[in-house]
Every structure is written in structure tokens, then in C-alpha cells.
Amino acid sequence: MEIAEIQQEIIDEFSMFDDWMQRYEYMIELGKSLPQIDEQYKREDHLIKGCQSKVWVHADMEDGKLRFTADSEAIITKGIIAILIRAFNNQSPSDILAANTDFIDEIGLKEHLSPTRANGLVSMIKQLKLYAVAYQSQLEK
């Protein structure tokens, strides 16, 4: 499935909820389904800078597709990274780099986060894209 299709699925799912309490609960559920990061990657060098809560992300490439795992100490933050990973997991680095993140605005996530969490969201997107840049450069060698 292409990134845009996954993002549309996420938009559709969030639109089913009437209020933000339900959406937060859904995000918490998504966080519980997050592909678990191996304990060896819960180190400083996998920590996303700019997040209020600790968030670790790791990526590997398999058959030209990036596979992300992550974890966070905070349940809402874990839900946020789960949404991003769902959109970008098992995608090629070039597709990740070309993808926009407008779906975040469409589900209204940024406007319902505290300023520090919103900054963390931007940092998470940046980190996933940085992984894509690094792996894309390996493919081009």
C-alpha cells in the first residue's frame, strides 16, 4: 500500500470519532500495537531530540524498504510515533522522502497537542526522514 493510501486510511479512522478524548484513546491503542524496539536500541543515539518524553526509533532496510521500530515512555507520544510509523513503515526511502505529512493536519493532531508535544511531532517526522536520507544514500552507492 502506498503512503498516501495509508495516510488516507488514518484520516478516515480519525474522522469516525466525535471528540478528541476518543481520538486520544485511539492513539493510545495504536501505541500498544507499535512494533517494539529491541532493548539494545534504547540508547542515547536512538533518542529523538526535541521531544518532551523519551522516544526511541530504529530503522533497518530490508529488500529496499525501511522497517521502523520505536518506543516511548509516554502513552500519547507512543501513539503519535505509532501513527507516523504506520504511514512510513515498509516503504522505500525515496517514497518516504517524497511523502508529505499533511495528513497530520487533516486529522487535527498538531492543533490538539501541547506546544512541546507539537515540537516533538515535528522532531519525530524529521528523524524518520533522516533515516530515509541515510538509507537512500546507501542505495545510490
Protein backbone atom coordinates (compact mmCIF):
# COMPACT_ATOMS: atom_id res chain seq x y z
CA MET A 1 0.00 0.00 0.00
CA GLU A 2 1.30 3.45 -0.86
CA ILE A 3 1.98 6.08 1.79
CA ALA A 4 -0.85 8.35 0.58
CA GLU A 5 -3.32 5.45 0.83
CA ILE A 6 -2.20 4.63 4.38
CA GLN A 7 -2.44 8.30 5.33
CA GLN A 8 -5.99 8.44 3.92
CA GLU A 9 -6.89 5.35 5.98
CA ILE A 10 -5.61 7.12 9.10
CA ILE A 11 -7.64 10.26 8.23
CA ASP A 12 -10.75 8.12 7.71
CA GLU A 13 -10.23 6.30 11.02
CA PHE A 14 -9.80 9.54 12.98
CA SER A 15 -12.88 11.07 11.34
CA MET A 16 -15.02 8.29 12.86
CA PHE A 17 -14.52 9.77 16.34
CA ASP A 18 -16.70 12.59 17.56
CA ASP A 19 -14.31 14.20 20.03
CA TRP A 20 -10.66 14.39 20.92
CA MET A 21 -10.94 12.24 24.02
CA GLN A 22 -11.94 9.34 21.76
CA ARG A 23 -9.11 10.18 19.37
CA TYR A 24 -6.59 10.22 22.23
CA GLU A 25 -7.87 6.83 23.35
CA TYR A 26 -7.45 5.55 19.80
CA MET A 27 -3.89 6.92 19.67
CA ILE A 28 -3.11 5.10 22.92
CA GLU A 29 -4.43 1.87 21.35
CA LEU A 30 -2.27 2.46 18.27
CA GLY A 31 0.73 2.92 20.55
CA LYS A 32 0.12 -0.52 22.04
CA SER A 33 0.38 -2.07 18.56
CA LEU A 34 3.69 -0.34 17.80
CA PRO A 35 6.45 -2.66 16.53
CA GLN A 36 8.58 -2.95 19.66
CA ILE A 37 12.12 -1.66 19.52
CA ASP A 38 14.84 -4.05 20.64
CA GLU A 39 16.23 -3.07 24.05
CA GLN A 40 19.71 -2.61 22.53
CA TYR A 41 18.37 0.43 20.61
CA LYS A 42 17.00 2.16 23.70
CA ARG A 43 20.16 4.25 23.88
CA GLU A 44 21.00 7.90 23.58
CA ASP A 45 21.90 7.63 19.87
CA HIS A 46 18.37 6.41 19.03
CA LEU A 47 16.63 9.01 21.17
CA ILE A 48 14.72 11.67 19.23
CA LYS A 49 15.95 15.11 20.19
CA GLY A 50 13.29 17.75 20.74
CA CYS A 51 10.70 15.50 22.36
CA GLN A 52 9.44 16.22 25.87
CA SER A 53 9.12 12.47 26.52
CA LYS A 54 11.75 9.92 25.64
CA VAL A 55 11.16 8.42 22.19
CA TRP A 56 13.50 5.89 20.64
CA VAL A 57 13.39 4.99 16.95
CA HIS A 58 15.38 2.47 14.99
CA ALA A 59 15.29 1.66 11.28
CA ASP A 60 16.63 -1.19 9.19
CA MET A 61 16.36 -1.71 5.48
CA GLU A 62 15.12 -4.98 4.05
CA ASP A 63 14.57 -5.51 0.32
CA GLY A 64 14.80 -1.76 -0.31
CA LYS A 65 12.12 -0.94 2.28
CA LEU A 66 12.60 0.72 5.66
CA ARG A 67 11.36 -1.11 8.75
CA PHE A 68 10.88 1.06 11.80
CA THR A 69 10.59 0.11 15.45
CA ALA A 70 10.06 2.54 18.31
CA ASP A 71 9.07 3.04 21.90
CA SER A 72 8.24 5.87 24.27
CA GLU A 73 7.74 6.25 27.98
CA ALA A 74 4.59 8.34 27.43
CA ILE A 75 1.42 6.72 26.11
CA ILE A 76 0.27 9.67 23.95
CA THR A 77 3.75 10.09 22.48
CA LYS A 78 3.86 6.36 21.78
CA GLY A 79 0.58 6.77 19.90
CA ILE A 80 1.97 9.66 17.85
CA ILE A 81 5.07 7.73 16.76
CA ALA A 82 2.84 4.72 16.02
CA ILE A 83 0.80 6.83 13.57
CA LEU A 84 3.96 8.05 11.83
CA ILE A 85 5.49 4.58 11.65
CA ARG A 86 2.25 3.16 10.29
CA ALA A 87 2.42 5.72 7.45
CA PHE A 88 6.10 5.18 6.64
CA ASN A 89 6.87 1.57 7.60
CA ASN A 90 7.74 -0.89 4.80
CA GLN A 91 8.23 1.95 2.31
CA SER A 92 11.23 2.81 0.18
CA PRO A 93 13.47 5.67 1.34
CA SER A 94 12.63 7.67 -1.80
CA ASP A 95 8.88 7.29 -1.19
CA ILE A 96 9.30 8.41 2.42
CA LEU A 97 11.29 11.45 1.33
CA ALA A 98 8.71 12.35 -1.33
CA ALA A 99 5.74 11.92 1.02
CA ASN A 100 4.04 14.89 2.57
CA THR A 101 2.73 14.90 6.10
CA ASP A 102 -0.45 16.91 5.51
CA PHE A 103 -2.47 14.05 6.96
CA ILE A 104 -1.27 15.16 10.42
CA ASP A 105 -3.06 18.50 9.89
CA GLU A 106 -6.10 16.79 8.38
CA ILE A 107 -6.66 14.66 11.48
CA GLY A 108 -6.15 17.81 13.58
CA LEU A 109 -3.35 16.30 15.60
CA LYS A 110 -0.99 19.28 15.73
CA GLU A 111 -3.67 21.68 16.98
CA HIS A 112 -4.65 19.31 19.80
CA LEU A 113 -1.13 18.85 21.17
CA SER A 114 0.68 20.99 23.66
CA PRO A 115 3.40 23.15 22.07
CA THR A 116 6.14 20.84 23.39
CA ARG A 117 4.37 17.74 22.01
CA ALA A 118 3.82 19.51 18.67
CA ASN A 119 7.57 20.24 18.54
CA GLY A 120 8.19 16.59 19.37
CA LEU A 121 5.93 15.55 16.48
CA VAL A 122 7.99 17.65 14.09
CA SER A 123 11.18 16.09 15.51
CA MET A 124 9.76 12.58 15.00
CA ILE A 125 8.91 13.28 11.36
CA LYS A 126 12.36 14.79 10.86
CA GLN A 127 14.05 11.71 12.35
CA LEU A 128 12.10 9.28 10.15
CA LYS A 129 13.01 11.35 7.09
CA LEU A 130 16.68 11.43 8.20
CA TYR A 131 16.68 7.62 8.30
CA ALA A 132 15.27 7.68 4.77
CA VAL A 133 18.02 10.07 3.63
CA ALA A 134 20.72 7.84 5.14
CA TYR A 135 19.38 4.65 3.58
CA GLN A 136 18.68 6.36 0.24
CA SER A 137 22.33 7.42 0.05
CA GLN A 138 23.37 3.78 0.66
CA LEU A 139 21.16 2.66 -2.23
CA GLU A 140 22.77 5.22 -4.53
CA LYS A 141 26.33 4.00 -3.88
